[in-house]
């Protein structure tokens, strides 16, 4: 019985107009380079790049301490890195929420 249903659906689809051969054109936006986009996004939410910079700095210092054999300081820096990543993520989410609220108004 199922093959009959498939045949009916196929005949109904064949009876309609054919799909367009060319896809609809995508909307065009003004060209924005990487630097311009980075500056615009940084102005919109300055806490995200600050959090990224802090995360990378703490990670680098923790790895240096690990290489020198200072395991206590290295562990402390890895915990601080997790906090910095959490701050960055919270800033990213906060910026997304603010943008969503701003676009609704």
Protein backbone atom coordinates (compact mmCIF):
# COMPACT_ATOMS: atom_id res chain seq x y z
CA UNK A 1 0.00 0.00 0.00
CA UNK A 2 2.82 2.43 0.67
CA UNK A 3 4.16 2.33 -2.91
CA UNK A 4 0.79 3.71 -4.07
CA UNK A 5 1.11 6.68 -1.70
CA UNK A 6 4.57 7.42 -2.99
CA UNK A 7 3.32 7.30 -6.57
CA UNK A 8 0.45 9.70 -5.76
CA UNK A 9 2.83 12.17 -4.11
CA UNK A 10 5.22 11.93 -7.05
CA UNK A 11 2.38 12.55 -9.56
CA UNK A 12 1.14 15.51 -7.54
CA UNK A 13 4.63 16.99 -7.48
CA UNK A 14 5.05 16.44 -11.21
CA UNK A 15 1.76 18.25 -11.92
CA UNK A 16 2.98 21.52 -10.37
CA UNK A 17 5.31 24.06 -11.97
CA UNK A 18 8.98 23.06 -12.15
CA UNK A 19 11.35 24.53 -9.59
CA UNK A 20 13.34 27.56 -10.71
CA UNK A 21 16.67 26.71 -12.27
CA UNK A 22 18.48 29.72 -10.84
CA UNK A 23 18.63 30.19 -7.07
CA UNK A 24 17.30 33.47 -5.75
CA UNK A 25 20.07 36.06 -5.38
CA UNK A 26 21.47 36.60 -1.92
CA UNK A 27 21.12 40.04 -0.35
CA UNK A 28 24.17 42.22 -0.89
CA UNK A 29 25.82 44.24 1.84
CA UNK A 30 28.48 46.90 1.72
CA UNK A 31 31.95 45.38 1.60
CA UNK A 32 33.50 45.35 5.05
CA UNK A 33 37.06 44.19 5.54
CA UNK A 34 38.34 42.22 8.50
CA UNK A 35 39.82 45.27 10.23
CA UNK A 36 36.66 47.34 9.82
CA UNK A 37 34.48 44.52 11.10
CA UNK A 38 36.80 43.89 14.04
CA UNK A 39 36.73 47.56 15.04
CA UNK A 40 32.94 47.74 14.68
CA UNK A 41 32.43 44.62 16.80
CA UNK A 42 34.93 45.87 19.39
CA UNK A 43 33.05 49.16 19.68
CA UNK A 44 29.76 47.26 20.06
CA UNK A 45 31.05 44.98 22.82
CA UNK A 46 34.52 45.91 24.15
CA UNK A 47 34.48 43.30 26.93
CA UNK A 48 34.86 40.32 24.57
CA UNK A 49 38.28 41.29 23.12
CA UNK A 50 39.37 42.32 26.61
CA UNK A 51 38.38 38.90 27.97
CA UNK A 52 40.16 37.14 25.09
CA UNK A 53 43.32 39.13 25.72
CA UNK A 54 43.15 38.36 29.44
CA UNK A 55 42.60 34.65 28.75
CA UNK A 56 45.57 34.42 26.39
CA UNK A 57 47.80 36.37 28.78
CA UNK A 58 46.97 34.17 31.76
CA UNK A 59 47.42 31.04 29.64
CA UNK A 60 50.83 32.18 28.38
CA UNK A 61 52.02 33.05 31.88
CA UNK A 62 50.74 29.72 33.21
CA UNK A 63 52.61 27.82 30.50
CA UNK A 64 55.80 29.77 31.26
CA UNK A 65 55.45 28.91 34.95
CA UNK A 66 54.87 25.26 34.06
CA UNK A 67 57.97 25.19 31.88
CA UNK A 68 60.05 26.74 34.68
CA UNK A 69 58.80 24.08 37.11
CA UNK A 70 56.66 26.34 39.28
CA UNK A 71 53.71 23.97 39.42
CA UNK A 72 51.85 25.82 42.17
CA UNK A 73 51.79 29.08 40.19
CA UNK A 74 50.99 27.17 37.00
CA UNK A 75 47.93 25.56 38.61
CA UNK A 76 46.81 28.95 39.89
CA UNK A 77 47.12 30.43 36.41
CA UNK A 78 45.14 27.59 34.83
CA UNK A 79 42.33 28.23 37.30
CA UNK A 80 42.53 31.94 36.52
CA UNK A 81 42.34 31.05 32.81
CA UNK A 82 39.07 29.22 33.40
CA UNK A 83 37.69 32.30 35.17
CA UNK A 84 38.85 34.54 32.31
CA UNK A 85 37.19 32.23 29.78
CA UNK A 86 33.98 32.33 31.82
CA UNK A 87 34.11 36.13 31.84
CA UNK A 88 34.64 36.18 28.08
CA UNK A 89 31.73 33.82 27.50
CA UNK A 90 29.46 35.87 29.78
CA UNK A 91 30.46 39.06 27.93
CA UNK A 92 29.71 37.37 24.61
CA UNK A 93 26.28 36.21 25.78
CA UNK A 94 25.55 39.63 27.29
CA UNK A 95 26.42 41.30 23.99
CA UNK A 96 24.17 38.91 22.09
CA UNK A 97 21.26 39.59 24.45
CA UNK A 98 21.82 43.35 24.21
CA UNK A 99 21.89 43.15 20.41
CA UNK A 100 18.69 41.07 20.36
CA UNK A 101 16.89 43.53 22.64
CA UNK A 102 18.16 46.48 20.60
CA UNK A 103 16.94 44.92 17.32
CA UNK A 104 13.43 44.37 18.77
CA UNK A 105 13.00 48.05 19.62
